[in-house]
Amino acid sequence: MPRAANRRRRRLMAWGAVFAGLAAGIWAARRPRRVARGRHTHAPGAAAVALGYEPHDIDAGIVARILLVLAVGAAACVAAVVLMIALLENGDQARYAHFTQEQMLTLEPPPPHLQVRPLVDRDSHEALEQYRLHSDAWLDADHTHARIPIDQAMKLEIGQPLDARP
């Protein structure tokens, strides 16, 4: 039942936003009163005209109403967006409430491939490792530590002598 209530609430909010926008548009588009409509009721004085007064200015009341409509429409849009975000977040929390933590983890994509020829690089690395496993070498310049082949190391570990017995 909560899911249906959320849907009804979302629909109601969407229709409310649509009707608020339509009402604001209709109110803004209505015709201003014909009495003032850009004409003045009295002629400006000679001093006002000399100071730059323009007798054909628009009516300040109309401009104030237009700005008020724009401000109310912007505030209604912001309120509708905030309300829809809040509703969608609540719906997401309810939708994912039964998931486990593993299911909610964000997956990270693999890192980019930085090698030009990864297969060749892997083969050369494996060949180097095989060489190190099956060859002997000195590990330091003083010749105190040596690396021996892996098969000889395994024989020493289990207690068999390295040279063959007659």
N, C-alpha and C. Protein backbone atom coordinates (compact mmCIF):
# COMPACT_ATOMS: atom_id res chain seq x y z
N MET A 1 0.81 -1.22 0.00
CA MET A 1 0.00 0.00 0.00
C MET A 1 0.84 1.27 0.00
N PRO A 2 2.03 1.31 0.65
CA PRO A 2 2.81 2.54 0.63
C PRO A 2 3.26 2.92 -0.78
N ARG A 3 3.51 1.92 -1.62
CA ARG A 3 3.95 2.21 -2.98
C ARG A 3 2.84 2.92 -3.76
N ALA A 4 1.59 2.48 -3.59
CA ALA A 4 0.47 3.12 -4.27
C ALA A 4 0.26 4.54 -3.74
N ALA A 5 0.44 4.71 -2.44
CA ALA A 5 0.29 6.05 -1.86
C ALA A 5 1.37 6.99 -2.39
N ASN A 6 2.57 6.47 -2.54
CA ASN A 6 3.65 7.30 -3.10
C ASN A 6 3.33 7.70 -4.54
N ARG A 7 2.80 6.76 -5.31
CA ARG A 7 2.44 7.07 -6.70
C ARG A 7 1.35 8.14 -6.76
N ARG A 8 0.35 8.00 -5.88
CA ARG A 8 -0.71 9.00 -5.85
C ARG A 8 -0.16 10.37 -5.46
N ARG A 9 0.72 10.39 -4.48
CA ARG A 9 1.31 11.64 -4.02
C ARG A 9 2.14 12.28 -5.14
N ARG A 10 2.90 11.46 -5.87
CA ARG A 10 3.72 11.99 -6.97
C ARG A 10 2.83 12.56 -8.08
N ARG A 11 1.77 11.83 -8.41
CA ARG A 11 0.85 12.33 -9.44
C ARG A 11 0.21 13.64 -9.01
N LEU A 12 -0.21 13.71 -7.77
CA LEU A 12 -0.83 14.92 -7.26
C LEU A 12 0.14 16.08 -7.32
N MET A 13 1.40 15.85 -6.94
CA MET A 13 2.39 16.91 -6.98
C MET A 13 2.68 17.33 -8.42
N ALA A 14 2.73 16.36 -9.34
CA ALA A 14 2.99 16.70 -10.73
C ALA A 14 1.85 17.54 -11.30
N TRP A 15 0.62 17.13 -11.05
CA TRP A 15 -0.51 17.90 -11.56
C TRP A 15 -0.58 19.27 -10.89
N GLY A 16 -0.23 19.34 -9.61
CA GLY A 16 -0.21 20.63 -8.93
C GLY A 16 0.82 21.56 -9.56
N ALA A 17 1.99 21.03 -9.90
CA ALA A 17 3.01 21.85 -10.56
C ALA A 17 2.55 22.31 -11.93
N VAL A 18 1.87 21.42 -12.67
CA VAL A 18 1.36 21.78 -14.00
C VAL A 18 0.31 22.89 -13.88
N PHE A 19 -0.62 22.73 -12.95
CA PHE A 19 -1.66 23.75 -12.80
C PHE A 19 -1.10 25.06 -12.29
N ALA A 20 -0.10 25.02 -11.41
CA ALA A 20 0.51 26.26 -10.93
C ALA A 20 1.21 26.98 -12.07
N GLY A 21 1.90 26.22 -12.94
CA GLY A 21 2.55 26.83 -14.09
C GLY A 21 1.55 27.44 -15.05
N LEU A 22 0.46 26.71 -15.31
CA LEU A 22 -0.58 27.23 -16.20
C LEU A 22 -1.22 28.49 -15.62
N ALA A 23 -1.51 28.47 -14.33
CA ALA A 23 -2.13 29.65 -13.71
C ALA A 23 -1.19 30.84 -13.76
N ALA A 24 0.09 30.63 -13.52
CA ALA A 24 1.05 31.73 -13.58
C ALA A 24 1.16 32.26 -15.01
N GLY A 25 1.16 31.37 -15.98
CA GLY A 25 1.23 31.80 -17.38
C GLY A 25 0.00 32.58 -17.81
N ILE A 26 -1.16 32.10 -17.41
CA ILE A 26 -2.40 32.79 -17.77
C ILE A 26 -2.46 34.15 -17.10
N TRP A 27 -2.06 34.23 -15.84
CA TRP A 27 -2.09 35.50 -15.13
C TRP A 27 -1.11 36.48 -15.75
N ALA A 28 0.04 35.99 -16.19
CA ALA A 28 1.04 36.88 -16.79
C ALA A 28 0.60 37.34 -18.18
N ALA A 29 -0.15 36.51 -18.88
CA ALA A 29 -0.53 36.85 -20.25
C ALA A 29 -1.81 37.68 -20.34
N ARG A 30 -2.46 37.85 -19.22
CA ARG A 30 -3.72 38.61 -19.31
C ARG A 30 -3.44 40.06 -19.68
N ARG A 31 -4.39 40.68 -20.29
CA ARG A 31 -4.21 42.05 -20.78
C ARG A 31 -4.23 43.03 -19.61
N PRO A 32 -3.34 43.99 -19.63
CA PRO A 32 -3.37 45.01 -18.57
C PRO A 32 -4.58 45.93 -18.77
N ARG A 33 -4.85 46.71 -17.77
CA ARG A 33 -5.97 47.63 -17.86
C ARG A 33 -5.75 48.61 -19.01
N ARG A 34 -6.79 48.93 -19.72
CA ARG A 34 -6.67 49.79 -20.89
C ARG A 34 -6.55 51.26 -20.53
N VAL A 35 -6.80 51.60 -19.30
CA VAL A 35 -6.77 53.01 -18.93
C VAL A 35 -5.36 53.55 -19.04
N ALA A 36 -4.38 52.88 -18.41
CA ALA A 36 -3.03 53.42 -18.36
C ALA A 36 -2.19 52.92 -19.53
N ARG A 37 -2.22 51.79 -19.89
CA ARG A 37 -1.55 51.11 -20.98
C ARG A 37 -0.52 51.95 -21.74
N GLY A 38 0.49 52.43 -21.05
CA GLY A 38 1.55 53.17 -21.70
C GLY A 38 1.26 54.65 -21.88
N ARG A 39 0.04 55.08 -21.56
CA ARG A 39 -0.31 56.50 -21.69
C ARG A 39 -0.42 57.10 -20.31
N HIS A 40 -0.06 58.32 -20.21
CA HIS A 40 -0.13 59.01 -18.94
C HIS A 40 -1.45 59.77 -18.83
N THR A 41 -1.90 59.93 -17.59
CA THR A 41 -3.15 60.64 -17.38
C THR A 41 -2.95 62.15 -17.43
N HIS A 42 -1.73 62.59 -17.19
CA HIS A 42 -1.44 64.02 -17.27
C HIS A 42 -0.11 64.21 -17.99
N ALA A 43 0.04 65.30 -18.64
CA ALA A 43 1.26 65.58 -19.40
C ALA A 43 2.37 65.95 -18.44
N PRO A 44 3.59 65.53 -18.74
CA PRO A 44 4.71 65.89 -17.87
C PRO A 44 5.04 67.37 -18.02
N GLY A 45 5.62 67.91 -16.98
CA GLY A 45 5.98 69.32 -17.01
C GLY A 45 7.20 69.55 -17.89
N ALA A 46 7.44 70.82 -18.22
CA ALA A 46 8.57 71.17 -19.08
C ALA A 46 9.89 70.85 -18.41
N ALA A 47 9.96 71.00 -17.08
CA ALA A 47 11.21 70.70 -16.35
C ALA A 47 11.51 69.21 -16.40
N ALA A 48 10.50 68.36 -16.31
CA ALA A 48 10.70 66.91 -16.37
C ALA A 48 11.18 66.49 -17.75
N VAL A 49 10.61 67.09 -18.79
CA VAL A 49 11.04 66.76 -20.15
C VAL A 49 12.46 67.23 -20.37
N ALA A 50 12.83 68.39 -19.82
CA ALA A 50 14.19 68.91 -19.97
C ALA A 50 15.20 68.02 -19.25
N LEU A 51 14.80 67.35 -18.16
CA LEU A 51 15.70 66.46 -17.42
C LEU A 51 15.79 65.07 -18.05
N GLY A 52 15.06 64.81 -19.11
CA GLY A 52 15.15 63.51 -19.78
C GLY A 52 13.96 62.60 -19.56
N TYR A 53 12.89 63.12 -19.00
CA TYR A 53 11.69 62.31 -18.78
C TYR A 53 11.09 61.94 -20.13
N GLU A 54 10.81 60.67 -20.30
CA GLU A 54 10.22 60.22 -21.56
C GLU A 54 8.74 60.00 -21.35
N PRO A 55 7.92 60.69 -22.04
CA PRO A 55 6.47 60.56 -21.82
C PRO A 55 5.91 59.24 -22.36
N HIS A 56 6.66 58.50 -23.14
CA HIS A 56 6.12 57.26 -23.70
C HIS A 56 6.66 56.02 -22.96
N ASP A 57 7.10 56.16 -21.70
CA ASP A 57 7.57 55.02 -20.91
C ASP A 57 6.44 54.04 -20.66
N ILE A 58 6.82 52.84 -20.25
CA ILE A 58 5.81 51.84 -19.89
C ILE A 58 5.38 52.07 -18.45
N ASP A 59 4.28 51.48 -18.10
CA ASP A 59 3.73 51.64 -16.76
C ASP A 59 4.52 50.79 -15.77
N ALA A 60 4.95 51.38 -14.67
CA ALA A 60 5.75 50.67 -13.67
C ALA A 60 4.94 49.57 -12.98
N GLY A 61 3.66 49.75 -12.88
CA GLY A 61 2.81 48.72 -12.26
C GLY A 61 2.80 47.44 -13.06
N ILE A 62 2.79 47.58 -14.39
CA ILE A 62 2.80 46.39 -15.25
C ILE A 62 4.13 45.66 -15.09
N VAL A 63 5.23 46.41 -15.07
CA VAL A 63 6.54 45.79 -14.89
C VAL A 63 6.61 45.09 -13.53
N ALA A 64 6.08 45.71 -12.51
CA ALA A 64 6.10 45.10 -11.17
C ALA A 64 5.30 43.81 -11.15
N ARG A 65 4.13 43.80 -11.82
CA ARG A 65 3.33 42.58 -11.88
C ARG A 65 4.04 41.47 -12.64
N ILE A 66 4.69 41.83 -13.74
CA ILE A 66 5.42 40.82 -14.52
C ILE A 66 6.55 40.23 -13.70
N LEU A 67 7.30 41.06 -13.00
CA LEU A 67 8.39 40.57 -12.15
C LEU A 67 7.85 39.71 -11.02
N LEU A 68 6.72 40.09 -10.46
CA LEU A 68 6.12 39.29 -9.40
C LEU A 68 5.71 37.91 -9.92
N VAL A 69 5.11 37.87 -11.10
CA VAL A 69 4.72 36.59 -11.70
C VAL A 69 5.95 35.72 -11.96
N LEU A 70 7.01 36.32 -12.48
CA LEU A 70 8.23 35.56 -12.73
C LEU A 70 8.82 35.03 -11.42
N ALA A 71 8.83 35.85 -10.38
CA ALA A 71 9.37 35.40 -9.09
C ALA A 71 8.53 34.28 -8.49
N VAL A 72 7.21 34.41 -8.56
CA VAL A 72 6.33 33.36 -8.03
C VAL A 72 6.50 32.08 -8.84
N GLY A 73 6.59 32.19 -10.16
CA GLY A 73 6.79 31.00 -10.99
C GLY A 73 8.12 30.33 -10.70
N ALA A 74 9.19 31.12 -10.55
CA ALA A 74 10.49 30.53 -10.23
C ALA A 74 10.46 29.84 -8.87
N ALA A 75 9.83 30.48 -7.89
CA ALA A 75 9.74 29.88 -6.56
C ALA A 75 8.91 28.59 -6.60
N ALA A 76 7.85 28.58 -7.39
CA ALA A 76 7.04 27.36 -7.51
C ALA A 76 7.83 26.25 -8.18
N CYS A 77 8.62 26.59 -9.19
CA CYS A 77 9.45 25.57 -9.85
C CYS A 77 10.49 25.00 -8.90
N VAL A 78 11.15 25.86 -8.15
CA VAL A 78 12.15 25.39 -7.19
C VAL A 78 11.50 24.52 -6.13
N ALA A 79 10.35 24.93 -5.63
CA ALA A 79 9.66 24.14 -4.62
C ALA A 79 9.23 22.79 -5.17
N ALA A 80 8.77 22.76 -6.41
CA ALA A 80 8.36 21.49 -7.03
C ALA A 80 9.56 20.57 -7.21
N VAL A 81 10.69 21.11 -7.62
CA VAL A 81 11.88 20.27 -7.80
C VAL A 81 12.35 19.72 -6.46
N VAL A 82 12.39 20.56 -5.44
CA VAL A 82 12.82 20.09 -4.11
C VAL A 82 11.87 19.02 -3.60
N LEU A 83 10.59 19.20 -3.79
CA LEU A 83 9.61 18.22 -3.34
C LEU A 83 9.75 16.90 -4.10
N MET A 84 9.95 16.98 -5.40
CA MET A 84 10.11 15.75 -6.18
C MET A 84 11.39 15.01 -5.80
N ILE A 85 12.47 15.73 -5.53
CA ILE A 85 13.71 15.08 -5.10
C ILE A 85 13.48 14.37 -3.77
N ALA A 86 12.80 15.03 -2.85
CA ALA A 86 12.53 14.41 -1.54
C ALA A 86 11.66 13.16 -1.71
N LEU A 87 10.66 13.22 -2.56
CA LEU A 87 9.80 12.06 -2.77
C LEU A 87 10.56 10.92 -3.42
N LEU A 88 11.41 11.23 -4.39
CA LEU A 88 12.15 10.16 -5.06
C LEU A 88 13.18 9.54 -4.13
N GLU A 89 13.81 10.32 -3.26
CA GLU A 89 14.76 9.74 -2.32
C GLU A 89 14.06 8.81 -1.34
N ASN A 90 12.87 9.20 -0.87
CA ASN A 90 12.13 8.33 0.04
C ASN A 90 11.73 7.04 -0.67
N GLY A 91 11.34 7.14 -1.93
CA GLY A 91 10.97 5.94 -2.68
C GLY A 91 12.16 5.03 -2.90
N ASP A 92 13.35 5.61 -3.15
CA ASP A 92 14.54 4.79 -3.34
C ASP A 92 14.92 4.06 -2.07
N GLN A 93 14.82 4.75 -0.94
CA GLN A 93 15.16 4.10 0.33
C GLN A 93 14.22 2.94 0.61
N ALA A 94 12.95 3.11 0.33
CA ALA A 94 12.00 2.03 0.57
C ALA A 94 12.21 0.89 -0.43
N ARG A 95 12.57 1.23 -1.65
CA ARG A 95 12.75 0.21 -2.69
C ARG A 95 13.95 -0.67 -2.40
N TYR A 96 15.02 -0.09 -1.85
CA TYR A 96 16.25 -0.85 -1.63
C TYR A 96 16.43 -1.28 -0.18
N ALA A 97 15.39 -1.20 0.63
CA ALA A 97 15.51 -1.51 2.05
C ALA A 97 15.82 -2.99 2.29
N HIS A 98 15.35 -3.88 1.43
CA HIS A 98 15.54 -5.32 1.65
C HIS A 98 16.85 -5.84 1.07
N PHE A 99 17.65 -4.99 0.45
CA PHE A 99 18.93 -5.43 -0.12
C PHE A 99 19.98 -5.58 0.98
N THR A 100 20.93 -6.49 0.76
CA THR A 100 22.05 -6.64 1.69
C THR A 100 23.13 -5.62 1.36
N GLN A 101 24.13 -5.54 2.25
CA GLN A 101 25.21 -4.58 2.01
C GLN A 101 26.00 -4.93 0.76
N GLU A 102 26.17 -6.22 0.50
CA GLU A 102 26.91 -6.63 -0.69
C GLU A 102 26.19 -6.21 -1.97
N GLN A 103 24.87 -6.26 -1.94
CA GLN A 103 24.09 -5.88 -3.12
C GLN A 103 24.10 -4.38 -3.33
N MET A 104 24.34 -3.61 -2.27
CA MET A 104 24.32 -2.15 -2.38
C MET A 104 25.69 -1.55 -2.68
N LEU A 105 26.73 -2.38 -2.75
CA LEU A 105 28.06 -1.86 -3.02
C LEU A 105 28.12 -1.27 -4.42
N THR A 106 28.89 -0.22 -4.55
CA THR A 106 29.10 0.35 -5.87
C THR A 106 30.28 -0.35 -6.52
N LEU A 107 30.11 -0.72 -7.75
CA LEU A 107 31.16 -1.42 -8.47
C LEU A 107 32.12 -0.42 -9.09
N GLU A 108 33.40 -0.70 -8.92
CA GLU A 108 34.41 0.15 -9.52
C GLU A 108 34.88 -0.50 -10.81
N PRO A 109 34.98 0.27 -11.86
CA PRO A 109 35.46 -0.32 -13.11
C PRO A 109 36.93 -0.68 -13.00
N PRO A 110 37.39 -1.62 -13.81
CA PRO A 110 38.80 -1.98 -13.75
C PRO A 110 39.67 -0.82 -14.22
N PRO A 111 40.93 -0.82 -13.79
CA PRO A 111 41.82 0.26 -14.23
C PRO A 111 42.10 0.15 -15.73
N PRO A 112 42.54 1.21 -16.33
CA PRO A 112 42.79 1.18 -17.77
C PRO A 112 44.01 0.31 -18.10
N HIS A 113 44.00 -0.23 -19.30
CA HIS A 113 45.11 -1.05 -19.77
C HIS A 113 46.23 -0.11 -20.22
N LEU A 114 47.34 -0.13 -19.51
CA LEU A 114 48.43 0.78 -19.82
C LEU A 114 49.54 0.10 -20.63
N GLN A 115 49.44 -1.21 -20.80
CA GLN A 115 50.46 -1.91 -21.57
C GLN A 115 50.10 -1.90 -23.05
N VAL A 116 51.14 -1.77 -23.87
CA VAL A 116 50.90 -1.78 -25.31
C VAL A 116 50.66 -3.20 -25.79
N ARG A 117 51.49 -4.15 -25.31
CA ARG A 117 51.35 -5.55 -25.71
C ARG A 117 51.29 -6.40 -24.44
N PRO A 118 50.15 -6.54 -23.81
CA PRO A 118 50.08 -7.24 -22.52
C PRO A 118 50.43 -8.72 -22.62
N LEU A 119 50.07 -9.38 -23.72
CA LEU A 119 50.36 -10.81 -23.83
C LEU A 119 51.86 -11.05 -23.97
N VAL A 120 52.54 -10.22 -24.73
CA VAL A 120 53.98 -10.36 -24.88
C VAL A 120 54.67 -10.06 -23.55
N ASP A 121 54.19 -9.04 -22.85
CA ASP A 121 54.77 -8.71 -21.55
C ASP A 121 54.58 -9.86 -20.56
N ARG A 122 53.41 -10.47 -20.57
CA ARG A 122 53.15 -11.59 -19.67
C ARG A 122 54.05 -12.78 -20.02
N ASP A 123 54.19 -13.08 -21.30
CA ASP A 123 55.04 -14.20 -21.71
C ASP A 123 56.49 -13.98 -21.33
N SER A 124 56.99 -12.75 -21.53
CA SER A 124 58.38 -12.48 -21.16
C SER A 124 58.58 -12.56 -19.64
N HIS A 125 57.58 -12.11 -18.89
CA HIS A 125 57.67 -12.20 -17.44
C HIS A 125 57.67 -13.67 -16.99
N GLU A 126 56.79 -14.49 -17.57
CA GLU A 126 56.75 -15.91 -17.22
C GLU A 126 58.06 -16.61 -17.60
N ALA A 127 58.65 -16.26 -18.75
CA ALA A 127 59.92 -16.86 -19.15
C ALA A 127 61.02 -16.49 -18.16
N LEU A 128 61.04 -15.24 -17.71
CA LEU A 128 62.03 -14.82 -16.73
C LEU A 128 61.86 -15.58 -15.41
N GLU A 129 60.62 -15.76 -14.98
CA GLU A 129 60.36 -16.50 -13.75
C GLU A 129 60.78 -17.97 -13.90
N GLN A 130 60.49 -18.58 -15.02
CA GLN A 130 60.91 -19.97 -15.25
C GLN A 130 62.44 -20.08 -15.25
N TYR A 131 63.12 -19.13 -15.85
CA TYR A 131 64.58 -19.14 -15.85
C TYR A 131 65.11 -19.04 -14.43
N ARG A 132 64.50 -18.16 -13.62
CA ARG A 132 64.96 -18.01 -12.23
C ARG A 132 64.67 -19.26 -11.41
N LEU A 133 63.56 -19.95 -11.71
CA LEU A 133 63.23 -21.17 -10.96
C LEU A 133 64.17 -22.33 -11.29
N HIS A 134 64.63 -22.42 -12.51
CA HIS A 134 65.38 -23.60 -12.96
C HIS A 134 66.86 -23.33 -13.19
N SER A 135 67.38 -22.22 -12.72
CA SER A 135 68.81 -21.95 -12.88
C SER A 135 69.41 -21.57 -11.55
N ASP A 136 70.75 -21.64 -11.48
CA ASP A 136 71.42 -21.23 -10.25
C ASP A 136 72.21 -19.96 -10.53
N ALA A 137 72.38 -19.16 -9.45
CA ALA A 137 73.11 -17.90 -9.60
C ALA A 137 73.47 -17.40 -8.22
N TRP A 138 74.46 -16.53 -8.18
CA TRP A 138 74.83 -15.86 -6.95
C TRP A 138 73.89 -14.66 -6.75
N LEU A 139 73.46 -14.46 -5.50
CA LEU A 139 72.53 -13.37 -5.21
C LEU A 139 73.23 -12.10 -4.74
N ASP A 140 74.49 -12.20 -4.37
CA ASP A 140 75.22 -11.02 -3.92
C ASP A 140 76.62 -11.02 -4.52
N ALA A 141 77.31 -9.90 -4.40
CA ALA A 141 78.65 -9.76 -5.00
C ALA A 141 79.71 -10.51 -4.22
N ASP A 142 79.48 -10.79 -2.93
CA ASP A 142 80.47 -11.50 -2.11
C ASP A 142 80.39 -13.01 -2.26
N HIS A 143 79.44 -13.49 -3.01
CA HIS A 143 79.22 -14.92 -3.23
C HIS A 143 78.94 -15.65 -1.92
N THR A 144 78.09 -15.06 -1.08
CA THR A 144 77.70 -15.71 0.17
C THR A 144 76.30 -16.31 0.10
N HIS A 145 75.46 -15.81 -0.78
CA HIS A 145 74.10 -16.32 -0.94
C HIS A 145 73.91 -16.74 -2.39
N ALA A 146 73.33 -17.94 -2.57
CA ALA A 146 73.13 -18.47 -3.91
C ALA A 146 71.68 -18.87 -4.11
N ARG A 147 71.29 -18.87 -5.34
CA ARG A 147 69.96 -19.35 -5.73
C ARG A 147 70.18 -20.67 -6.45
N ILE A 148 69.43 -21.70 -6.05
CA ILE A 148 69.58 -23.01 -6.70
C ILE A 148 68.28 -23.35 -7.40
N PRO A 149 68.29 -24.25 -8.38
CA PRO A 149 67.06 -24.63 -9.07
C PRO A 149 66.03 -25.22 -8.12
N ILE A 150 64.79 -25.08 -8.48
CA ILE A 150 63.68 -25.46 -7.59
C ILE A 150 63.65 -26.96 -7.33
N ASP A 151 63.96 -27.79 -8.32
CA ASP A 151 63.92 -29.25 -8.10
C ASP A 151 65.00 -29.67 -7.11
N GLN A 152 66.17 -29.05 -7.16
CA GLN A 152 67.22 -29.36 -6.17
C GLN A 152 66.80 -28.87 -4.79
N ALA A 153 66.16 -27.71 -4.71
CA ALA A 153 65.71 -27.18 -3.42
C ALA A 153 64.65 -28.10 -2.80
N MET A 154 63.78 -28.66 -3.61
CA MET A 154 62.75 -29.57 -3.08
C MET A 154 63.39 -30.85 -2.56
N LYS A 155 64.42 -31.37 -3.25
CA LYS A 155 65.10 -32.58 -2.78
C LYS A 155 65.79 -32.31 -1.45
N LEU A 156 66.42 -31.14 -1.31
CA LEU A 156 67.05 -30.80 -0.04
C LEU A 156 66.02 -30.68 1.08
N GLU A 157 64.87 -30.16 0.76
CA GLU A 157 63.83 -29.95 1.77
C GLU A 157 63.30 -31.28 2.30
N ILE A 158 63.17 -32.28 1.45
CA ILE A 158 62.64 -33.58 1.92
C ILE A 158 63.75 -34.50 2.42
N GLY A 159 65.00 -34.08 2.32
CA GLY A 159 66.10 -34.84 2.91
C GLY A 159 66.83 -35.77 1.95
N GLN A 160 66.64 -35.69 0.67
CA GLN A 160 67.37 -36.51 -0.28
C GLN A 160 68.68 -35.80 -0.64
N PRO A 161 69.74 -36.56 -0.84
CA PRO A 161 71.00 -35.95 -1.24
C PRO A 161 70.91 -35.47 -2.67
N LEU A 162 71.73 -34.47 -3.02
CA LEU A 162 71.69 -33.90 -4.35
C LEU A 162 72.42 -34.78 -5.38
N ASP A 163 73.51 -35.45 -4.95
CA ASP A 163 74.22 -36.31 -5.91
C ASP A 163 73.62 -37.72 -5.87
N ALA A 164 73.59 -38.36 -6.98
CA ALA A 164 72.97 -39.68 -7.09
C ALA A 164 73.83 -40.71 -6.37
N ARG A 165 73.20 -41.71 -5.73
CA ARG A 165 73.91 -42.78 -5.04
C ARG A 165 74.13 -43.93 -6.02
N PRO A 166 75.26 -44.63 -5.86
CA PRO A 166 75.48 -45.79 -6.74
C PRO A 166 74.63 -46.97 -6.38
